[in-house]
Amino acid sequence: MMRFVVFAAVFATVTAEVILTIHDCGSHDAIINSIKVDQCNAEPCIVQKGKDYTVHVNFTATRTVQEAHNVLHGGLGFISAPFPLQPENACQGSVTCPIVAGQTYEYVQTMTCPTFAPSIAVQARWEVKDEHRQDIFCFTTKLQIHS
């Protein structure tokens, strides 16, 4: 069964929160408790090429995993293109591994919208995968890329 969660985004310089809709796309090893994105104040989130955006995901692990890997794709219909995330190893960021079942974590990742990205609406698919390449958590949301 598909689960929908609410995506709360806080614009970095404004105190008001904007509620965005996201879709859990197959979280296997965690339950997403909340998500917010800095620098996003409307739906779809408008991202500027070359600018940084920070995602905060509060999640509770349902299974202990040894590794965590960042994966982000932007899709248009059946076409999907990877967006680079650094570091690729999520354990080198805000989450330390192993990720232990029953514990709650705050995953924080900053990404830069690539300057080569076309100025279009895309469906973003953000995944953090375990050592078996299964989704620890996964969510999708709509983005509008601008120059």
Protein backbone atom coordinates (compact mmCIF):
# COMPACT_ATOMS: atom_id res chain seq x y z
CA MET A 1 0.00 0.00 0.00
CA MET A 2 1.33 3.41 -0.91
CA ARG A 3 1.83 5.77 1.97
CA PHE A 4 1.64 9.53 1.74
CA VAL A 5 3.48 11.74 4.17
CA VAL A 6 3.47 15.44 4.62
CA PHE A 7 6.58 17.32 3.62
CA ALA A 8 7.13 20.46 5.73
CA ALA A 9 9.51 22.97 4.18
CA VAL A 10 10.88 26.06 5.84
CA PHE A 11 12.11 28.95 3.74
CA ALA A 12 15.56 29.86 5.13
CA THR A 13 14.75 33.51 5.80
CA VAL A 14 11.04 33.29 6.57
CA THR A 15 9.52 31.82 9.71
CA ALA A 16 6.30 30.52 8.07
CA GLU A 17 6.16 26.86 7.14
CA VAL A 18 4.81 25.61 3.83
CA ILE A 19 3.23 22.16 3.63
CA LEU A 20 4.30 20.18 0.58
CA THR A 21 3.05 16.78 -0.52
CA ILE A 22 5.51 13.96 -0.98
CA HIS A 23 5.15 10.27 -1.68
CA ASP A 24 6.96 7.49 0.15
CA CYS A 25 8.28 5.40 -2.73
CA GLY A 26 9.31 2.26 -0.93
CA SER A 27 11.06 2.90 2.37
CA HIS A 28 12.26 -0.56 3.37
CA ASP A 29 14.44 -0.11 6.45
CA ALA A 30 12.92 3.00 8.05
CA ILE A 31 9.81 5.03 8.75
CA ILE A 32 10.01 8.67 7.67
CA ASN A 33 8.81 10.87 10.55
CA SER A 34 9.23 14.27 8.92
CA ILE A 35 10.94 16.03 6.03
CA LYS A 36 11.78 19.68 5.46
CA VAL A 37 13.76 21.48 2.79
CA ASP A 38 15.52 24.78 3.42
CA GLN A 39 15.13 27.42 0.70
CA CYS A 40 11.78 26.04 -0.48
CA ASN A 41 8.61 28.06 0.08
CA ALA A 42 6.02 26.66 -2.34
CA GLU A 43 4.89 23.53 -4.15
CA PRO A 44 6.40 22.52 -6.45
CA CYS A 45 9.69 23.51 -4.88
CA ILE A 46 11.42 25.94 -7.25
CA VAL A 47 15.15 25.29 -7.45
CA GLN A 48 17.68 27.53 -9.16
CA LYS A 49 20.56 26.08 -11.15
CA GLY A 50 23.85 26.34 -9.26
CA LYS A 51 22.20 26.97 -5.86
CA ASP A 52 22.36 24.77 -2.75
CA TYR A 53 19.34 23.16 -1.09
CA THR A 54 19.38 21.29 2.22
CA VAL A 55 17.05 18.37 2.96
CA HIS A 56 16.33 17.27 6.54
CA VAL A 57 14.79 13.81 7.00
CA ASN A 58 13.88 12.61 10.48
CA PHE A 59 13.50 8.82 10.35
CA THR A 60 13.31 5.79 12.63
CA ALA A 61 15.23 2.71 11.52
CA THR A 62 13.21 -0.52 11.38
CA ARG A 63 16.23 -2.73 10.61
CA THR A 64 19.93 -2.40 11.46
CA VAL A 65 22.03 -1.62 8.39
CA GLN A 66 25.81 -1.27 8.04
CA GLU A 67 26.00 1.17 5.12
CA ALA A 68 24.00 4.08 3.70
CA HIS A 69 24.37 5.48 0.16
CA ASN A 70 22.85 8.71 -1.25
CA VAL A 71 20.95 8.46 -4.54
CA LEU A 72 18.96 11.25 -6.23
CA HIS A 73 17.23 11.11 -9.61
CA GLY A 74 15.15 13.61 -11.54
CA GLY A 75 12.49 12.13 -13.77
CA LEU A 76 10.34 13.27 -16.62
CA GLY A 77 7.88 10.55 -17.59
CA PHE A 78 9.83 7.32 -18.10
CA ILE A 79 13.18 9.12 -18.37
CA SER A 80 15.28 9.44 -15.21
CA ALA A 81 18.64 11.17 -14.79
CA PRO A 82 20.95 11.00 -11.77
CA PHE A 83 21.75 14.16 -9.82
CA PRO A 84 25.15 14.00 -8.11
CA LEU A 85 25.22 14.02 -4.30
CA GLN A 86 28.42 14.39 -2.30
CA PRO A 87 29.37 12.50 -0.34
CA GLU A 88 27.83 9.40 -1.93
CA ASN A 89 28.43 7.62 1.38
CA ALA A 90 25.66 8.94 3.67
CA CYS A 91 27.62 7.64 6.70
CA GLN A 92 30.18 10.38 6.06
CA GLY A 93 27.51 13.01 6.64
CA SER A 94 24.98 13.57 9.41
CA VAL A 95 24.19 9.87 9.99
CA THR A 96 26.73 7.50 11.50
CA CYS A 97 26.74 3.82 10.63
CA PRO A 98 25.67 1.29 11.56
CA ILE A 99 22.12 2.60 11.58
CA VAL A 100 20.48 0.68 14.43
CA ALA A 101 16.89 -0.61 14.39
CA GLY A 102 14.61 1.31 16.73
CA GLN A 103 16.75 4.46 16.83
CA THR A 104 15.70 7.80 15.36
CA TYR A 105 18.08 9.78 13.14
CA GLU A 106 18.25 13.22 11.55
CA TYR A 107 19.59 12.89 8.01
CA VAL A 108 20.80 16.21 6.60
CA GLN A 109 22.09 16.46 3.03
CA THR A 110 22.88 19.49 0.92
CA MET A 111 22.70 19.24 -2.84
CA THR A 112 23.55 21.72 -5.54
CA CYS A 113 21.14 21.95 -8.45
CA PRO A 114 23.39 21.17 -11.45
CA THR A 115 23.95 24.02 -13.87
CA PHE A 116 23.51 21.55 -16.75
CA ALA A 117 19.97 20.60 -15.68
CA PRO A 118 17.23 21.67 -18.12
CA SER A 119 14.72 24.29 -16.95
CA ILE A 120 11.73 21.96 -16.57
CA ALA A 121 9.40 20.39 -14.00
CA VAL A 122 10.75 17.07 -12.70
CA GLN A 123 9.76 14.35 -10.27
CA ALA A 124 12.64 14.05 -7.78
CA ARG A 125 13.30 10.61 -6.28
CA TRP A 126 15.54 10.75 -3.19
CA GLU A 127 16.81 7.44 -1.82
CA VAL A 128 19.22 6.35 0.86
CA LYS A 129 20.19 2.74 0.16
CA ASP A 130 21.70 0.07 2.43
CA GLU A 131 24.60 -2.30 1.73
CA HIS A 132 22.24 -4.55 -0.29
CA ARG A 133 21.09 -1.54 -2.39
CA GLN A 134 17.61 -1.69 -0.81
CA ASP A 135 15.98 1.58 0.19
CA ILE A 136 16.49 2.54 3.80
CA PHE A 137 14.09 5.34 2.93
CA CYS A 138 12.77 6.75 -0.32
CA PHE A 139 10.53 9.68 -1.19
CA THR A 140 9.47 11.59 -4.27
CA THR A 141 8.40 15.19 -4.72
CA LYS A 142 7.91 17.61 -7.59
CA LEU A 143 10.56 20.23 -8.41
CA GLN A 144 10.60 23.08 -10.89
CA ILE A 145 14.12 23.85 -12.15
CA HIS A 146 14.87 27.44 -13.21
CA SER A 147 17.92 29.25 -14.58
